[in-house]
PDB file of N, CA and C in Angstrom:
ATOM      1  N   SER A   1      13.849  -9.968   3.090  1.00  0.00           N
ATOM      2  CA  SER A   1      13.426  -8.721   3.713  1.00  0.00           C
ATOM      3  C   SER A   1      11.961  -8.451   3.393  1.00  0.00           C
ATOM      4  N   PHE A   2      11.379  -7.530   4.110  1.00  0.00           N
ATOM      5  CA  PHE A   2       9.963  -7.206   3.924  1.00  0.00           C
ATOM      6  C   PHE A   2       9.689  -6.702   2.511  1.00  0.00           C
ATOM      7  N   GLN A   3      10.568  -5.845   2.003  1.00  0.00           N
ATOM      8  CA  GLN A   3      10.324  -5.218   0.707  1.00  0.00           C
ATOM      9  C   GLN A   3      10.373  -6.228  -0.435  1.00  0.00           C
ATOM     10  N   ASN A   4      11.017  -7.370  -0.223  1.00  0.00           N
ATOM     11  CA  ASN A   4      11.098  -8.380  -1.270  1.00  0.00           C
ATOM     12  C   ASN A   4      10.082  -9.490  -1.068  1.00  0.00           C
ATOM     13  N   GLY A   5       9.290  -9.385  -0.008  1.00  0.00           N
ATOM     14  CA  GLY A   5       8.371 -10.463   0.341  1.00  0.00           C
ATOM     15  C   GLY A   5       6.949 -10.197  -0.100  1.00  0.00           C
ATOM     16  N   ILE A   6       6.082 -11.143   0.236  1.00  0.00           N
ATOM     17  CA  ILE A   6       4.675 -11.043  -0.132  1.00  0.00           C
ATOM     18  C   ILE A   6       4.002  -9.899   0.611  1.00  0.00           C
ATOM     19  N   GLY A   7       4.524  -9.543   1.775  1.00  0.00           N
ATOM     20  CA  GLY A   7       3.942  -8.439   2.530  1.00  0.00           C
ATOM     21  C   GLY A   7       4.032  -7.128   1.783  1.00  0.00           C
ATOM     22  N   PHE A   8       5.128  -6.934   1.045  1.00  0.00           N
ATOM     23  CA  PHE A   8       5.296  -5.703   0.272  1.00  0.00           C
ATOM     24  C   PHE A   8       4.259  -5.629  -0.844  1.00  0.00           C
ATOM     25  N   TYR A   9       3.955  -6.776  -1.440  1.00  0.00           N
ATOM     26  CA  TYR A   9       2.952  -6.814  -2.506  1.00  0.00           C
ATOM     27  C   TYR A   9       1.584  -6.401  -1.970  1.00  0.00           C
ATOM     28  N   PHE A  10       1.198  -6.972  -0.829  1.00  0.00           N
ATOM     29  CA  PHE A  10      -0.107  -6.643  -0.260  1.00  0.00           C
ATOM     30  C   PHE A  10      -0.145  -5.208   0.245  1.00  0.00           C
ATOM     31  N   TYR A  11       0.990  -4.708   0.737  1.00  0.00           N
ATOM     32  CA  TYR A  11       1.072  -3.321   1.194  1.00  0.00           C
ATOM     33  C   TYR A  11       0.768  -2.370   0.043  1.00  0.00           C
ATOM     34  N   ASN A  12       1.392  -2.609  -1.108  1.00  0.00           N
ATOM     35  CA  ASN A  12       1.168  -1.744  -2.264  1.00  0.00           C
ATOM     36  C   ASN A  12      -0.232  -1.924  -2.834  1.00  0.00           C
ATOM     37  N   ALA A  13      -0.743  -3.153  -2.805  1.00  0.00           N
ATOM     38  CA  ALA A  13      -2.101  -3.389  -3.287  1.00  0.00           C
ATOM     39  C   ALA A  13      -3.106  -2.630  -2.424  1.00  0.00           C
ATOM     40  N   ALA A  14      -2.869  -2.623  -1.118  1.00  0.00           N
ATOM     41  CA  ALA A  14      -3.757  -1.899  -0.210  1.00  0.00           C
ATOM     42  C   ALA A  14      -3.681  -0.397  -0.461  1.00  0.00           C
ATOM     43  N   LYS A  15      -2.474   0.115  -0.727  1.00  0.00           N
ATOM     44  CA  LYS A  15      -2.332   1.544  -1.007  1.00  0.00           C
ATOM     45  C   LYS A  15      -3.074   1.916  -2.283  1.00  0.00           C
ATOM     46  N   LEU A  16      -2.984   1.072  -3.307  1.00  0.00           N
ATOM     47  CA  LEU A  16      -3.690   1.359  -4.551  1.00  0.00           C
ATOM     48  C   LEU A  16      -5.199   1.328  -4.333  1.00  0.00           C
ATOM     49  N   PHE A  17      -5.658   0.377  -3.515  1.00  0.00           N
ATOM     50  CA  PHE A  17      -7.083   0.267  -3.222  1.00  0.00           C
ATOM     51  C   PHE A  17      -7.589   1.524  -2.522  1.00  0.00           C
ATOM     52  N   PHE A  18      -6.870   1.960  -1.480  1.00  0.00           N
ATOM     53  CA  PHE A  18      -7.302   3.140  -0.742  1.00  0.00           C
ATOM     54  C   PHE A  18      -7.154   4.407  -1.573  1.00  0.00           C
ATOM     55  N   CYS A  19      -6.198   4.416  -2.493  1.00  0.00           N
ATOM     56  CA  CYS A  19      -6.040   5.570  -3.371  1.00  0.00           C
ATOM     57  C   CYS A  19      -7.292   5.751  -4.218  1.00  0.00           C
ATOM     58  N   LYS A  20      -7.828   4.644  -4.714  1.00  0.00           N
ATOM     59  CA  LYS A  20      -9.033   4.719  -5.538  1.00  0.00           C
ATOM     60  C   LYS A  20     -10.250   5.065  -4.694  1.00  0.00           C
ATOM     61  N   VAL A  21     -10.334   4.471  -3.503  1.00  0.00           N
ATOM     62  CA  VAL A  21     -11.512   4.677  -2.662  1.00  0.00           C
ATOM     63  C   VAL A  21     -11.535   6.093  -2.081  1.00  0.00           C
ATOM     64  N   PHE A  22     -10.378   6.537  -1.600  1.00  0.00           N
ATOM     65  CA  PHE A  22     -10.322   7.831  -0.917  1.00  0.00           C
ATOM     66  C   PHE A  22      -9.686   8.918  -1.771  1.00  0.00           C
ATOM     67  N   LYS A  23      -9.494   8.620  -3.066  1.00  0.00           N
ATOM     68  CA  LYS A  23      -9.019   9.602  -4.034  1.00  0.00           C
ATOM     69  C   LYS A  23      -7.672  10.206  -3.644  1.00  0.00           C
ATOM     70  N   GLY A  24      -6.719   9.324  -3.354  1.00  0.00           N
ATOM     71  CA  GLY A  24      -5.359   9.793  -3.134  1.00  0.00           C
ATOM     72  C   GLY A  24      -4.900   9.738  -1.700  1.00  0.00           C
ATOM     73  N   TYR A  25      -5.836   9.567  -0.774  1.00  0.00           N
ATOM     74  CA  TYR A  25      -5.434   9.534   0.631  1.00  0.00           C
ATOM     75  C   TYR A  25      -4.858   8.175   0.985  1.00  0.00           C
ATOM     76  N   PHE A  26      -3.622   8.168   1.496  1.00  0.00           N
ATOM     77  CA  PHE A  26      -2.977   6.915   1.892  1.00  0.00           C
ATOM     78  C   PHE A  26      -2.886   6.847   3.411  1.00  0.00           C
ATOM     79  N   PRO A  27      -3.679   5.996   4.046  1.00  0.00           N
ATOM     80  CA  PRO A  27      -3.583   5.832   5.503  1.00  0.00           C
ATOM     81  C   PRO A  27      -2.443   4.894   5.877  1.00  0.00           C
ATOM     82  N   PHE A  28      -1.318   5.033   5.175  1.00  0.00           N
ATOM     83  CA  PHE A  28      -0.164   4.166   5.398  1.00  0.00           C
ATOM     84  C   PHE A  28       1.093   5.020   5.466  1.00  0.00           C
ATOM     85  N   PRO A  29       2.026   4.684   6.317  1.00  0.00           N
ATOM     86  CA  PRO A  29       3.300   5.395   6.341  1.00  0.00           C
ATOM     87  C   PRO A  29       4.130   5.030   5.117  1.00  0.00           C
ATOM     88  N   PRO A  30       4.902   5.957   4.579  1.00  0.00           N
ATOM     89  CA  PRO A  30       5.767   5.648   3.443  1.00  0.00           C
ATOM     90  C   PRO A  30       6.897   4.719   3.858  1.00  0.00           C
ATOM     91  N   LEU A  31       7.359   3.903   2.922  1.00  0.00           N
ATOM     92  CA  LEU A  31       8.459   2.991   3.217  1.00  0.00           C
ATOM     93  C   LEU A  31       9.785   3.673   2.955  1.00  0.00           C
TER      94      LEU A  31
END
């Protein structure tokens, strides 16, 4: 499934990146 795959890892890495850049704003839908 997606949540167990490499895509989930990159999804969370991207959220952490944008959290730092935009100070908490996540331009991603929640899973």
